[in-house]
Protein backbone atom coordinates (compact mmCIF):
# COMPACT_ATOMS: atom_id res chain seq x y z
CA MET A 1 103.17 -120.04 266.40
CA SER A 2 103.14 -116.87 268.50
CA ALA A 3 99.99 -115.51 270.10
CA ALA A 4 100.42 -112.31 268.07
CA VAL A 5 100.34 -114.19 264.75
CA ARG A 6 97.39 -116.28 265.86
CA GLY A 7 95.54 -113.15 266.98
CA ALA A 8 96.25 -111.34 263.72
CA LEU A 9 94.96 -114.27 261.67
CA ALA A 10 91.83 -114.44 263.83
CA ILE A 11 91.14 -110.70 263.46
CA VAL A 12 91.62 -110.72 259.68
CA GLY A 13 89.63 -113.93 259.21
CA VAL A 14 86.69 -112.87 261.37
CA ALA A 15 86.62 -109.38 259.88
CA CYS A 16 86.52 -110.71 256.31
CA ALA A 17 83.85 -113.29 257.22
CA VAL A 18 81.66 -110.58 258.74
CA ILE A 19 82.19 -108.29 255.74
CA TYR A 20 81.30 -111.07 253.31
CA LEU A 21 78.19 -112.06 255.25
CA ALA A 22 77.10 -108.42 255.15
CA VAL A 23 77.57 -108.03 251.36
CA TYR A 24 77.16 -111.59 250.00
CA ASP A 25 74.13 -110.70 247.88
CA ILE A 26 75.18 -107.21 246.89
CA GLU A 27 76.75 -106.16 243.59
CA PRO A 28 79.44 -105.54 242.38
CA LEU A 29 81.11 -108.95 242.44
CA LEU A 30 84.74 -107.89 242.92
CA PRO A 31 84.58 -106.93 246.63
CA ARG A 32 82.91 -110.26 247.43
CA VAL A 33 85.54 -112.20 245.48
CA LEU A 34 88.28 -110.42 247.40
CA VAL A 35 86.94 -111.14 250.90
CA LYS A 36 85.09 -114.47 250.58
CA PRO A 37 88.13 -116.83 250.57
CA VAL A 38 90.20 -114.83 253.08
CA PRO A 39 88.80 -116.52 256.24
CA ILE A 40 89.64 -119.95 254.77
CA LEU A 41 93.11 -118.78 253.75
CA CYS A 42 93.65 -117.54 257.33
CA LEU A 43 92.64 -120.97 258.63
CA ALA A 44 95.05 -122.62 256.18
CA THR A 45 97.87 -120.40 257.40
CA TRP A 46 96.99 -121.13 261.03
CA VAL A 47 96.93 -124.90 260.55
CA GLY A 48 100.10 -124.79 258.47
CA LEU A 49 101.96 -122.99 261.26
CA ALA A 50 100.42 -124.89 264.18
CA ALA A 51 99.96 -128.50 263.07
CA ARG A 52 102.58 -131.15 262.46
CA GLY A 53 102.83 -134.09 260.11
CA TRP A 54 100.76 -135.21 257.17
CA THR A 55 97.41 -134.62 258.85
CA GLY A 56 98.16 -130.92 259.09
CA ARG A 57 99.56 -130.73 255.56
CA LEU A 58 96.54 -132.47 254.05
CA VAL A 59 94.10 -130.26 255.93
CA VAL A 60 95.98 -127.19 254.67
CA LEU A 61 95.61 -128.49 251.12
CA GLY A 62 91.91 -129.14 251.76
CA LEU A 63 91.45 -125.58 252.98
CA LEU A 64 93.24 -124.23 249.90
CA ALA A 65 90.99 -126.34 247.65
CA SER A 66 88.00 -124.93 249.54
CA ALA A 67 89.22 -121.36 249.04
CA ALA A 68 89.51 -122.05 245.32
CA GLY A 69 85.97 -123.45 245.35
CA ASP A 70 84.73 -120.32 247.10
CA VAL A 71 85.93 -118.20 244.21
CA VAL A 72 84.88 -120.56 241.41
CA LEU A 73 81.31 -120.90 242.75
CA MET A 74 80.85 -117.16 242.44
CA GLY A 75 80.91 -117.46 238.65
CA GLU A 76 77.73 -117.74 236.62
CA GLY A 77 76.77 -120.87 234.69
CA ASP A 78 76.97 -124.64 234.93
CA GLY A 79 80.70 -124.72 234.22
CA PHE A 80 81.48 -122.66 237.31
CA PHE A 81 79.11 -124.74 239.43
CA VAL A 82 80.75 -128.00 238.34
CA GLY A 83 84.19 -126.47 238.86
CA GLY A 84 83.25 -125.47 242.40
CA LEU A 85 81.83 -128.94 243.00
CA VAL A 86 85.17 -130.46 241.93
CA CYS A 87 87.13 -128.12 244.21
CA PHE A 88 85.05 -129.03 247.24
CA LEU A 89 85.10 -132.73 246.36
CA VAL A 90 88.90 -132.51 246.36
CA ALA A 91 88.73 -130.75 249.75
CA HIS A 92 86.59 -133.54 251.22
CA LEU A 93 88.93 -136.21 249.85
CA LEU A 94 91.92 -134.41 251.35
CA TYR A 95 90.16 -134.21 254.73
CA ILE A 96 89.36 -137.93 254.52
CA ALA A 97 93.03 -138.66 253.80
CA ALA A 98 94.12 -136.40 256.68
CA PHE A 99 91.86 -138.16 259.17
CA VAL A 100 92.82 -141.64 257.92
CA VAL A 101 96.53 -140.79 258.26
CA GLU A 102 95.83 -139.84 261.88
CA VAL A 103 93.42 -142.67 262.81
CA ARG A 104 93.11 -145.88 260.79
CA ARG A 105 90.66 -147.87 262.90
CA PRO A 106 87.46 -148.63 260.96
CA ALA A 107 84.89 -147.51 263.59
CA PRO A 108 82.09 -148.66 261.21
CA LEU A 109 79.18 -147.73 263.48
CA ARG A 110 80.25 -144.12 263.36
CA ALA A 111 79.67 -144.08 259.62
CA LEU A 112 75.96 -144.86 259.95
CA PRO A 113 74.52 -141.42 260.80
CA PHE A 114 76.52 -139.76 258.04
CA LEU A 115 75.53 -142.40 255.47
CA ALA A 116 71.89 -142.08 256.51
CA PHE A 117 71.97 -138.29 256.14
CA ALA A 118 73.75 -138.44 252.78
CA LEU A 119 71.25 -141.01 251.48
CA PHE A 120 68.33 -138.88 252.65
CA VAL A 121 69.72 -135.80 250.90
CA PHE A 122 70.44 -137.74 247.70
CA LEU A 123 66.94 -139.25 247.55
CA PHE A 124 65.38 -135.88 248.31
CA LEU A 125 67.30 -134.28 245.44
CA LEU A 126 66.98 -137.17 242.99
CA PRO A 127 63.90 -135.95 241.05
CA GLY A 128 65.68 -132.75 240.07
CA LEU A 129 69.20 -134.06 239.39
CA GLY A 130 68.84 -135.17 235.77
CA SER A 131 72.30 -135.78 234.29
CA MET A 132 73.93 -134.77 237.60
CA VAL A 133 72.95 -138.03 239.33
CA PRO A 134 76.42 -139.70 239.13
CA PRO A 135 78.50 -136.70 240.33
CA VAL A 136 76.06 -135.86 243.10
CA ALA A 137 76.03 -139.51 244.23
CA VAL A 138 79.84 -139.48 244.39
CA TYR A 139 79.78 -136.21 246.29
CA CYS A 140 77.25 -137.56 248.82
CA LEU A 141 79.47 -140.58 249.45
CA ALA A 142 82.47 -138.27 249.91
CA ILE A 143 80.79 -136.06 252.50
CA ALA A 144 79.55 -139.13 254.38
CA ALA A 145 83.06 -140.58 254.42
CA MET A 146 84.52 -137.28 255.61
CA GLY A 147 82.09 -137.12 258.54
CA TRP A 148 82.75 -140.78 259.38
CA ARG A 149 86.52 -140.33 259.48
CA ALA A 150 86.17 -137.18 261.60
CA ALA A 151 84.04 -139.16 264.07
CA ALA A 152 86.58 -142.01 264.11
CA ARG A 153 89.10 -139.62 265.69
CA VAL A 154 87.05 -139.26 268.89
CA GLY A 155 88.65 -141.25 271.69
CA ALA A 156 91.46 -142.59 269.50
CA GLY A 157 94.16 -140.92 271.60
CA THR A 158 95.46 -138.69 268.82
CA ALA A 159 93.71 -135.59 270.19
CA PRO A 160 91.88 -134.58 273.37
CA VAL A 161 88.33 -135.86 273.21
CA GLY A 162 86.79 -132.39 273.33
CA ILE A 163 89.00 -131.19 270.49
CA ALA A 164 88.10 -134.24 268.40
CA TRP A 165 84.40 -133.54 268.97
CA ILE A 166 84.95 -129.99 267.69
CA GLY A 167 86.26 -131.64 264.51
CA VAL A 168 83.11 -133.77 264.27
CA ALA A 169 80.93 -130.69 264.73
CA GLY A 170 82.93 -128.90 262.05
CA ALA A 171 82.55 -131.80 259.63
CA ALA A 172 78.81 -131.95 260.31
CA LEU A 173 78.39 -128.21 259.69
CA PHE A 174 80.38 -128.44 256.45
CA ILE A 175 78.12 -131.30 255.34
CA VAL A 176 74.99 -129.28 256.21
CA SER A 177 76.35 -126.30 254.26
CA ASP A 178 77.00 -128.45 251.18
CA SER A 179 73.55 -130.00 251.50
CA MET A 180 71.89 -126.59 251.54
CA ILE A 181 73.79 -125.62 248.37
CA ALA A 182 72.48 -128.78 246.73
CA VAL A 183 68.90 -128.12 247.85
CA ARG A 184 69.08 -124.56 246.54
CA SER A 185 70.59 -125.71 243.23
CA PHE A 186 68.60 -128.86 242.46
CA HIS A 187 65.34 -128.49 244.39
CA ALA A 188 64.30 -124.93 245.13
CA PRO A 189 65.74 -121.74 246.61
CA PHE A 190 64.69 -120.98 250.17
CA PRO A 191 64.72 -117.78 252.25
CA GLY A 192 68.04 -117.01 253.90
CA ALA A 193 69.85 -119.75 251.98
CA GLY A 194 72.95 -117.73 251.17
CA LEU A 195 73.49 -116.58 254.75
CA ALA A 196 72.80 -120.02 256.24
CA ILE A 197 75.15 -121.70 253.77
CA MET A 198 78.05 -119.37 254.52
CA VAL A 199 77.62 -119.30 258.32
CA THR A 200 77.60 -123.10 258.54
CA TYR A 201 80.46 -123.30 256.03
CA TYR A 202 82.75 -120.90 257.87
CA LEU A 203 81.98 -122.50 261.25
CA GLY A 204 82.45 -125.98 259.79
CA GLN A 205 85.86 -125.18 258.36
CA LEU A 206 86.83 -123.51 261.64
CA GLY A 207 85.88 -126.66 263.57
CA ILE A 208 87.95 -128.90 261.30
CA ALA A 209 90.95 -126.56 261.42
CA TRP A 210 90.65 -126.14 265.20
CA SER A 211 90.60 -129.89 265.78
CA VAL A 212 93.86 -130.29 263.84
CA ALA A 213 95.68 -127.17 265.04
CA PHE A 214 95.05 -128.07 268.69
CA SER A 215 95.49 -131.82 268.27
CA GLU A 216 97.77 -133.32 270.91
CA PRO A 217 98.52 -137.05 270.84
CA GLY A 218 98.31 -139.28 273.86
CA LEU A 219 95.20 -137.96 275.57
CA PRO A 220 92.52 -140.64 275.15
CA ASP A 221 89.50 -140.77 277.43
CA THR A 222 89.82 -144.54 277.83
CA PRO A 223 92.93 -146.75 277.60
CA ARG A 224 93.35 -148.35 274.18
CA SER A 225 93.19 -151.80 275.72
CA ARG A 226 89.67 -151.04 276.95
CA ARG A 227 88.32 -150.11 273.50
CA THR A 228 86.31 -152.14 271.06
CA SER A 229 87.27 -152.34 267.40
CA ASP A 230 84.72 -149.64 266.72
CA GLY A 231 86.52 -147.22 269.00
CA PHE A 232 83.91 -147.08 271.75
CA PRO A 233 84.89 -147.94 275.36
CA ALA A 234 84.58 -151.63 276.11
CA SER A 235 82.17 -152.87 278.77
CA PRO A 236 83.72 -153.45 282.20
């Protein structure tokens, strides 16, 4: 992909993100619908042109599912909320598949912080979930698994370590954004929620896309023979 195309996508994506953040709580709805998914569509185009193999393809599909969720969540009523939830659940599952295709080692210890956070959020929300307990439980498991598989990429040799950590940061920000949506929906609104949700969401998606677009195999920080089954460097 040429630098000119990459620069154009960056300019359009950043401009639309800034415009949306400036008008996210202002009527009418149409201008917000037109600009909100554009940054994610720019990321999808970037990854589609820059990345190779199934990891890139699956991340592109995840970004497209996210863009659809962006639009659906702008509708009013429970039906639109559930529809948006389904779109983003599909996005998380596609990201999980993308990361598993790239790195299949279990790395179980890396799942623990994400499981702990997801459990905390679920228990915090539980009193207000009502009939939404099963879908929210599934969603919490999905976001924990997505973070875990992003973390499993670090040091696996499929991407430079720094780039893989950008992917972990992106996954974590995406999880935080989703968690704030859940708190606002099932617990109580809080000041600045809309802005905080969108800033962490856009940055999270950027981190995930960046980690795939700039992924270069064969650059581990420690030889594979010196790694434990969890993916951490083995003791000397």
